[in-house]
C-alpha cells in the first residue's frame, strides 16, 4: 500500500463482569487522499491470564471497509499504548462508577505506507520507529 494513514481518535471501554474491558475504538482513515471519518470498531482490552500485568487491545476487524495490514496496525497500536505511553488499565472505578478505560489520541497518526507502521506526529516528525 503506497498511501495509508490511520488517525486514532479515542478508545473507550468499560469493565465487564469477567474482567475484560469492552468498548469502542474510533479513528479516521486516509487512503490516497480519500478521508473516511469517525470509523467505529468494537474493541476489548484484556490482561493476559498467564502473564499478569501484560495487557492487549483487540480491535474487531472491519468487513465493510478495506484496510490492508490491519493486524500490523493493531500490533503497533498495542506497542504505542502499552510500551510508549506506558498505559496501565485499572480495575477500580471512581466512586460508584464502573471502571473504564478512556484514551484520547491527539496529534498522532500511524503511517501504514511502508513495510512496517510508523507512529508520527501530525507535523510529520516520527514519534517512534
N, C-alpha and C. Protein backbone atom coordinates (compact mmCIF):
# COMPACT_ATOMS: atom_id res chain seq x y z
N UNK A 1 0.86 -1.18 0.00
CA UNK A 1 0.00 0.00 0.00
C UNK A 1 0.90 1.23 0.00
N UNK A 2 0.70 2.11 -0.91
CA UNK A 2 1.57 3.27 -1.03
C UNK A 2 1.15 4.44 -0.16
N UNK A 3 -0.11 4.62 0.13
CA UNK A 3 -0.51 5.74 0.97
C UNK A 3 -1.69 5.33 1.84
N UNK A 4 -1.41 5.17 3.11
CA UNK A 4 -2.45 4.78 4.05
C UNK A 4 -2.08 5.34 5.42
N UNK A 5 -2.91 6.21 5.95
CA UNK A 5 -2.70 6.78 7.27
C UNK A 5 -3.92 6.50 8.14
N UNK A 6 -3.66 6.13 9.38
CA UNK A 6 -4.72 5.91 10.37
C UNK A 6 -4.56 6.97 11.46
N UNK A 7 -5.61 7.72 11.69
CA UNK A 7 -5.61 8.77 12.71
C UNK A 7 -6.49 8.31 13.88
N UNK A 8 -5.90 7.68 14.90
CA UNK A 8 -6.73 7.24 16.03
C UNK A 8 -7.28 8.45 16.78
N UNK A 9 -8.51 8.32 17.25
CA UNK A 9 -9.15 9.41 17.99
C UNK A 9 -9.32 9.06 19.47
N UNK A 10 -9.98 7.94 19.72
CA UNK A 10 -10.22 7.57 21.12
C UNK A 10 -10.52 6.07 21.24
N UNK A 11 -10.25 5.59 22.44
CA UNK A 11 -10.58 4.22 22.82
C UNK A 11 -11.28 4.30 24.16
N UNK A 12 -12.53 3.91 24.18
CA UNK A 12 -13.32 3.91 25.41
C UNK A 12 -13.80 2.50 25.66
N UNK A 13 -13.65 2.03 26.89
CA UNK A 13 -14.10 0.69 27.23
C UNK A 13 -14.46 0.63 28.71
N UNK A 14 -15.43 -0.20 29.03
CA UNK A 14 -15.92 -0.38 30.40
C UNK A 14 -15.68 -1.82 30.83
N UNK A 15 -15.31 -2.01 32.08
CA UNK A 15 -15.02 -3.34 32.61
C UNK A 15 -16.31 -4.16 32.67
N UNK A 16 -16.24 -5.39 32.13
CA UNK A 16 -17.40 -6.28 32.20
C UNK A 16 -17.26 -7.23 33.39
N UNK A 17 -18.27 -8.04 33.69
CA UNK A 17 -18.22 -8.92 34.87
C UNK A 17 -17.09 -9.95 34.87
N UNK A 18 -16.53 -10.29 33.70
CA UNK A 18 -15.46 -11.29 33.66
C UNK A 18 -14.07 -10.65 33.65
N UNK A 19 -13.99 -9.32 33.83
CA UNK A 19 -12.70 -8.66 33.97
C UNK A 19 -12.06 -8.17 32.69
N UNK A 20 -12.85 -8.09 31.62
CA UNK A 20 -12.34 -7.59 30.34
C UNK A 20 -13.02 -6.25 30.05
N UNK A 21 -12.23 -5.30 29.59
CA UNK A 21 -12.79 -4.01 29.19
C UNK A 21 -13.37 -4.15 27.78
N UNK A 22 -14.62 -3.75 27.60
CA UNK A 22 -15.29 -3.81 26.31
C UNK A 22 -15.72 -2.41 25.91
N UNK A 23 -15.52 -2.08 24.64
CA UNK A 23 -15.93 -0.76 24.21
C UNK A 23 -15.71 -0.53 22.73
N UNK A 24 -15.33 0.72 22.40
CA UNK A 24 -15.19 1.11 21.01
C UNK A 24 -13.89 1.88 20.77
N UNK A 25 -13.35 1.66 19.60
CA UNK A 25 -12.17 2.37 19.11
C UNK A 25 -12.61 3.19 17.91
N UNK A 26 -12.33 4.50 17.96
CA UNK A 26 -12.74 5.40 16.89
C UNK A 26 -11.51 5.98 16.21
N UNK A 27 -11.54 6.01 14.88
CA UNK A 27 -10.39 6.54 14.13
C UNK A 27 -10.85 7.07 12.77
N UNK A 28 -9.96 7.85 12.14
CA UNK A 28 -10.15 8.30 10.77
C UNK A 28 -9.15 7.54 9.91
N UNK A 29 -9.50 7.31 8.66
CA UNK A 29 -8.66 6.55 7.74
C UNK A 29 -8.48 7.36 6.46
N UNK A 30 -7.22 7.55 6.06
CA UNK A 30 -6.92 8.27 4.84
C UNK A 30 -6.18 7.34 3.88
N UNK A 31 -6.79 7.10 2.71
CA UNK A 31 -6.19 6.26 1.69
C UNK A 31 -6.15 7.05 0.39
N UNK A 32 -4.94 7.30 -0.11
CA UNK A 32 -4.77 8.02 -1.37
C UNK A 32 -5.53 9.34 -1.39
N UNK A 33 -5.56 10.05 -0.27
CA UNK A 33 -6.22 11.35 -0.19
C UNK A 33 -7.70 11.29 0.13
N UNK A 34 -8.31 10.11 0.12
CA UNK A 34 -9.72 9.97 0.48
C UNK A 34 -9.81 9.73 1.98
N UNK A 35 -10.51 10.61 2.68
CA UNK A 35 -10.61 10.53 4.14
C UNK A 35 -11.96 9.97 4.55
N UNK A 36 -11.95 8.92 5.33
CA UNK A 36 -13.16 8.35 5.92
C UNK A 36 -13.09 8.67 7.41
N UNK A 37 -14.07 9.41 7.91
CA UNK A 37 -14.03 9.90 9.28
C UNK A 37 -14.90 9.08 10.22
N UNK A 38 -14.48 9.09 11.48
CA UNK A 38 -15.24 8.50 12.58
C UNK A 38 -15.64 7.05 12.36
N UNK A 39 -14.67 6.24 11.99
CA UNK A 39 -14.90 4.80 11.88
C UNK A 39 -14.89 4.24 13.30
N UNK A 40 -15.89 3.45 13.63
CA UNK A 40 -16.01 2.90 14.98
C UNK A 40 -15.96 1.38 14.89
N UNK A 41 -15.06 0.79 15.67
CA UNK A 41 -14.92 -0.67 15.76
C UNK A 41 -15.09 -1.10 17.21
N UNK A 42 -15.61 -2.28 17.39
CA UNK A 42 -15.66 -2.85 18.73
C UNK A 42 -14.26 -3.24 19.15
N UNK A 43 -13.96 -3.05 20.42
CA UNK A 43 -12.62 -3.35 20.93
C UNK A 43 -12.71 -3.91 22.33
N UNK A 44 -11.71 -4.71 22.67
CA UNK A 44 -11.57 -5.21 24.05
C UNK A 44 -10.14 -4.95 24.51
N UNK A 45 -10.01 -4.81 25.81
CA UNK A 45 -8.70 -4.70 26.44
C UNK A 45 -8.68 -5.73 27.55
N UNK A 46 -7.76 -6.68 27.45
CA UNK A 46 -7.73 -7.78 28.41
C UNK A 46 -6.31 -8.03 28.89
N UNK A 47 -6.22 -8.49 30.12
CA UNK A 47 -4.93 -8.87 30.70
C UNK A 47 -4.66 -10.33 30.36
N UNK A 48 -3.43 -10.61 30.01
CA UNK A 48 -3.02 -11.98 29.70
C UNK A 48 -3.10 -12.80 30.99
N UNK A 49 -3.92 -13.86 31.01
CA UNK A 49 -4.06 -14.65 32.25
C UNK A 49 -2.78 -15.36 32.67
N UNK A 50 -1.87 -15.61 31.72
CA UNK A 50 -0.63 -16.30 32.03
C UNK A 50 0.49 -15.32 32.42
N UNK A 51 0.31 -14.03 32.08
CA UNK A 51 1.34 -13.03 32.36
C UNK A 51 0.68 -11.79 32.96
N UNK A 52 0.43 -11.80 34.27
CA UNK A 52 -0.20 -10.64 34.90
C UNK A 52 0.55 -9.35 34.60
N UNK A 53 -0.19 -8.30 34.33
CA UNK A 53 0.41 -7.01 34.01
C UNK A 53 0.62 -6.79 32.52
N UNK A 54 0.45 -7.84 31.72
CA UNK A 54 0.56 -7.73 30.26
C UNK A 54 -0.85 -7.59 29.67
N UNK A 55 -1.12 -6.45 29.07
CA UNK A 55 -2.43 -6.16 28.53
C UNK A 55 -2.39 -6.16 27.00
N UNK A 56 -3.55 -6.39 26.39
CA UNK A 56 -3.63 -6.38 24.94
C UNK A 56 -4.96 -5.79 24.48
N UNK A 57 -4.86 -4.92 23.48
CA UNK A 57 -6.04 -4.37 22.83
C UNK A 57 -6.35 -5.26 21.63
N UNK A 58 -7.60 -5.66 21.51
CA UNK A 58 -8.05 -6.42 20.35
C UNK A 58 -9.14 -5.58 19.69
N UNK A 59 -8.93 -5.25 18.42
CA UNK A 59 -9.91 -4.49 17.66
C UNK A 59 -10.54 -5.44 16.67
N UNK A 60 -11.87 -5.52 16.69
CA UNK A 60 -12.55 -6.43 15.77
C UNK A 60 -12.38 -5.92 14.35
N UNK A 61 -12.11 -6.84 13.41
CA UNK A 61 -11.89 -6.42 12.03
C UNK A 61 -13.13 -5.78 11.42
N UNK A 62 -12.89 -4.93 10.45
CA UNK A 62 -13.97 -4.27 9.73
C UNK A 62 -14.16 -5.00 8.41
N UNK A 63 -15.34 -5.48 8.17
CA UNK A 63 -15.58 -6.22 6.93
C UNK A 63 -16.15 -5.32 5.84
N UNK A 64 -16.66 -4.16 6.22
CA UNK A 64 -17.25 -3.26 5.23
C UNK A 64 -16.27 -2.21 4.73
N UNK A 65 -15.03 -2.24 5.20
CA UNK A 65 -14.02 -1.26 4.82
C UNK A 65 -12.70 -1.99 4.59
N UNK A 66 -12.09 -1.77 3.44
CA UNK A 66 -10.83 -2.44 3.14
C UNK A 66 -9.66 -1.66 3.72
N UNK A 67 -8.93 -2.30 4.61
CA UNK A 67 -7.75 -1.68 5.19
C UNK A 67 -6.65 -2.73 5.25
N UNK A 68 -5.71 -2.66 4.30
CA UNK A 68 -4.61 -3.63 4.29
C UNK A 68 -3.78 -3.57 5.58
N UNK A 69 -3.29 -4.70 5.98
CA UNK A 69 -2.37 -4.82 7.12
C UNK A 69 -3.00 -4.33 8.44
N UNK A 70 -4.30 -4.57 8.60
CA UNK A 70 -4.98 -4.14 9.81
C UNK A 70 -4.35 -4.78 11.04
N UNK A 71 -3.91 -6.02 10.93
CA UNK A 71 -3.28 -6.70 12.06
C UNK A 71 -1.98 -6.01 12.48
N UNK A 72 -1.19 -5.52 11.51
CA UNK A 72 0.03 -4.79 11.84
C UNK A 72 -0.30 -3.47 12.54
N UNK A 73 -1.38 -2.84 12.10
CA UNK A 73 -1.80 -1.60 12.75
C UNK A 73 -2.14 -1.87 14.21
N UNK A 74 -2.92 -2.91 14.48
CA UNK A 74 -3.33 -3.22 15.86
C UNK A 74 -2.11 -3.58 16.71
N UNK A 75 -1.15 -4.30 16.16
CA UNK A 75 0.07 -4.63 16.91
C UNK A 75 0.85 -3.35 17.25
N UNK A 76 0.93 -2.42 16.30
CA UNK A 76 1.64 -1.16 16.55
C UNK A 76 0.87 -0.31 17.54
N UNK A 77 -0.44 -0.32 17.47
CA UNK A 77 -1.27 0.39 18.45
C UNK A 77 -1.01 -0.15 19.85
N UNK A 78 -0.95 -1.46 20.00
CA UNK A 78 -0.65 -2.07 21.31
C UNK A 78 0.72 -1.62 21.80
N UNK A 79 1.71 -1.65 20.93
CA UNK A 79 3.05 -1.22 21.32
C UNK A 79 3.02 0.24 21.77
N UNK A 80 2.36 1.09 21.02
CA UNK A 80 2.32 2.51 21.34
C UNK A 80 1.63 2.75 22.69
N UNK A 81 0.47 2.13 22.90
CA UNK A 81 -0.29 2.36 24.13
C UNK A 81 0.43 1.81 25.36
N UNK A 82 0.92 0.58 25.28
CA UNK A 82 1.47 -0.07 26.47
C UNK A 82 2.98 0.12 26.66
N UNK A 83 3.73 0.31 25.59
CA UNK A 83 5.18 0.46 25.72
C UNK A 83 5.62 1.92 25.68
N UNK A 84 5.06 2.70 24.75
CA UNK A 84 5.46 4.10 24.62
C UNK A 84 4.74 4.96 25.66
N UNK A 85 3.41 4.87 25.70
CA UNK A 85 2.64 5.66 26.68
C UNK A 85 2.69 5.06 28.08
N UNK A 86 3.04 3.79 28.17
CA UNK A 86 3.09 3.06 29.45
C UNK A 86 1.73 3.11 30.18
N UNK A 87 0.68 2.95 29.39
CA UNK A 87 -0.67 2.95 29.95
C UNK A 87 -0.94 1.63 30.64
N UNK A 88 -1.59 1.70 31.81
CA UNK A 88 -1.95 0.51 32.56
C UNK A 88 -3.41 0.64 33.00
N UNK A 89 -4.31 -0.21 32.48
CA UNK A 89 -5.71 -0.14 32.90
C UNK A 89 -5.87 -0.43 34.40
N UNK A 90 -6.89 0.17 34.99
CA UNK A 90 -7.19 -0.06 36.40
C UNK A 90 -8.59 -0.66 36.52
N UNK A 91 -8.70 -1.68 37.33
CA UNK A 91 -10.00 -2.33 37.51
C UNK A 91 -10.82 -1.69 38.64
N UNK A 92 -10.38 -0.57 39.16
CA UNK A 92 -11.16 0.13 40.18
C UNK A 92 -11.74 1.40 39.57
N UNK A 93 -13.00 1.65 39.89
CA UNK A 93 -13.68 2.83 39.36
C UNK A 93 -13.72 3.95 40.39
N UNK A 94 -14.00 5.13 39.91
CA UNK A 94 -14.12 6.29 40.81
C UNK A 94 -15.53 6.32 41.39
N UNK A 95 -15.60 6.33 42.70
CA UNK A 95 -16.91 6.36 43.36
C UNK A 95 -17.69 5.09 43.04
N UNK A 96 -18.92 5.28 42.57
CA UNK A 96 -19.77 4.13 42.23
C UNK A 96 -19.77 3.84 40.74
N UNK A 97 -18.92 4.51 40.00
CA UNK A 97 -18.83 4.28 38.55
C UNK A 97 -18.09 2.99 38.26
N UNK A 98 -18.45 2.37 37.15
CA UNK A 98 -17.73 1.18 36.71
C UNK A 98 -16.34 1.58 36.23
N UNK A 99 -15.35 0.71 36.42
CA UNK A 99 -14.01 1.02 35.90
C UNK A 99 -14.05 1.18 34.39
N UNK A 100 -13.34 2.19 33.90
CA UNK A 100 -13.31 2.49 32.47
C UNK A 100 -11.89 2.76 31.99
N UNK A 101 -11.72 2.57 30.71
CA UNK A 101 -10.50 2.98 30.02
C UNK A 101 -10.93 4.07 29.05
N UNK A 102 -10.26 5.22 29.13
CA UNK A 102 -10.50 6.32 28.19
C UNK A 102 -9.15 6.81 27.72
N UNK A 103 -8.85 6.56 26.46
CA UNK A 103 -7.59 7.00 25.87
C UNK A 103 -7.92 7.90 24.69
N UNK A 104 -7.36 9.10 24.70
CA UNK A 104 -7.54 10.03 23.60
C UNK A 104 -6.20 10.16 22.88
N UNK A 105 -6.23 10.05 21.57
CA UNK A 105 -5.02 10.13 20.75
C UNK A 105 -5.02 11.48 20.06
N UNK A 106 -4.26 12.41 20.57
CA UNK A 106 -4.21 13.76 20.00
C UNK A 106 -2.89 13.97 19.26
N UNK A 107 -2.97 14.42 18.03
CA UNK A 107 -1.79 14.85 17.30
C UNK A 107 -0.89 13.76 16.75
N UNK A 108 -1.39 12.52 16.64
CA UNK A 108 -0.57 11.45 16.07
C UNK A 108 -1.35 10.73 14.97
N UNK A 109 -0.58 10.03 14.15
CA UNK A 109 -1.20 9.13 13.17
C UNK A 109 -0.24 7.97 12.91
N UNK A 110 -0.77 6.91 12.36
CA UNK A 110 0.01 5.74 12.02
C UNK A 110 0.18 5.73 10.51
N UNK A 111 1.42 5.85 10.05
CA UNK A 111 1.71 5.80 8.63
C UNK A 111 1.89 4.33 8.25
N UNK A 112 0.94 3.82 7.49
CA UNK A 112 0.92 2.41 7.12
C UNK A 112 1.46 2.20 5.70
N UNK A 113 2.11 3.21 5.14
CA UNK A 113 2.54 3.16 3.73
C UNK A 113 3.74 2.25 3.49
N UNK A 114 4.59 2.08 4.48
CA UNK A 114 5.79 1.27 4.31
C UNK A 114 5.58 -0.18 4.71
N UNK A 115 6.69 -0.90 4.83
CA UNK A 115 6.63 -2.31 5.21
C UNK A 115 6.16 -2.49 6.65
N UNK A 116 6.50 -1.53 7.52
CA UNK A 116 6.08 -1.56 8.92
C UNK A 116 5.43 -0.22 9.26
N UNK A 117 4.40 -0.23 10.10
CA UNK A 117 3.76 1.03 10.51
C UNK A 117 4.71 1.91 11.31
N UNK A 118 4.56 3.21 11.14
CA UNK A 118 5.36 4.19 11.88
C UNK A 118 4.41 5.17 12.53
N UNK A 119 4.57 5.39 13.83
CA UNK A 119 3.77 6.37 14.54
C UNK A 119 4.41 7.73 14.32
N UNK A 120 3.60 8.69 13.86
CA UNK A 120 4.11 10.02 13.57
C UNK A 120 3.24 11.07 14.24
N UNK A 121 3.85 12.22 14.51
CA UNK A 121 3.08 13.36 14.97
C UNK A 121 2.50 14.03 13.74
N UNK A 122 1.40 14.75 13.92
CA UNK A 122 0.73 15.39 12.80
C UNK A 122 1.71 16.26 12.01
N UNK A 123 2.71 16.86 12.64
CA UNK A 123 3.70 17.67 11.96
C UNK A 123 4.76 16.88 11.22
N UNK A 124 4.55 15.56 10.98
CA UNK A 124 5.45 14.69 10.24
C UNK A 124 6.77 14.38 10.94
N UNK A 125 6.88 14.57 12.23
CA UNK A 125 8.08 14.20 12.97
C UNK A 125 7.84 12.82 13.56
N UNK A 126 8.67 11.81 13.27
CA UNK A 126 8.44 10.47 13.82
C UNK A 126 8.42 10.47 15.35
N UNK A 127 7.44 9.76 15.92
CA UNK A 127 7.34 9.61 17.37
C UNK A 127 8.25 8.48 17.80
N UNK A 128 8.15 7.34 17.13
CA UNK A 128 8.99 6.17 17.41
C UNK A 128 8.93 5.24 16.23
N UNK A 129 10.04 4.61 15.93
CA UNK A 129 10.08 3.66 14.81
C UNK A 129 9.91 2.26 15.31
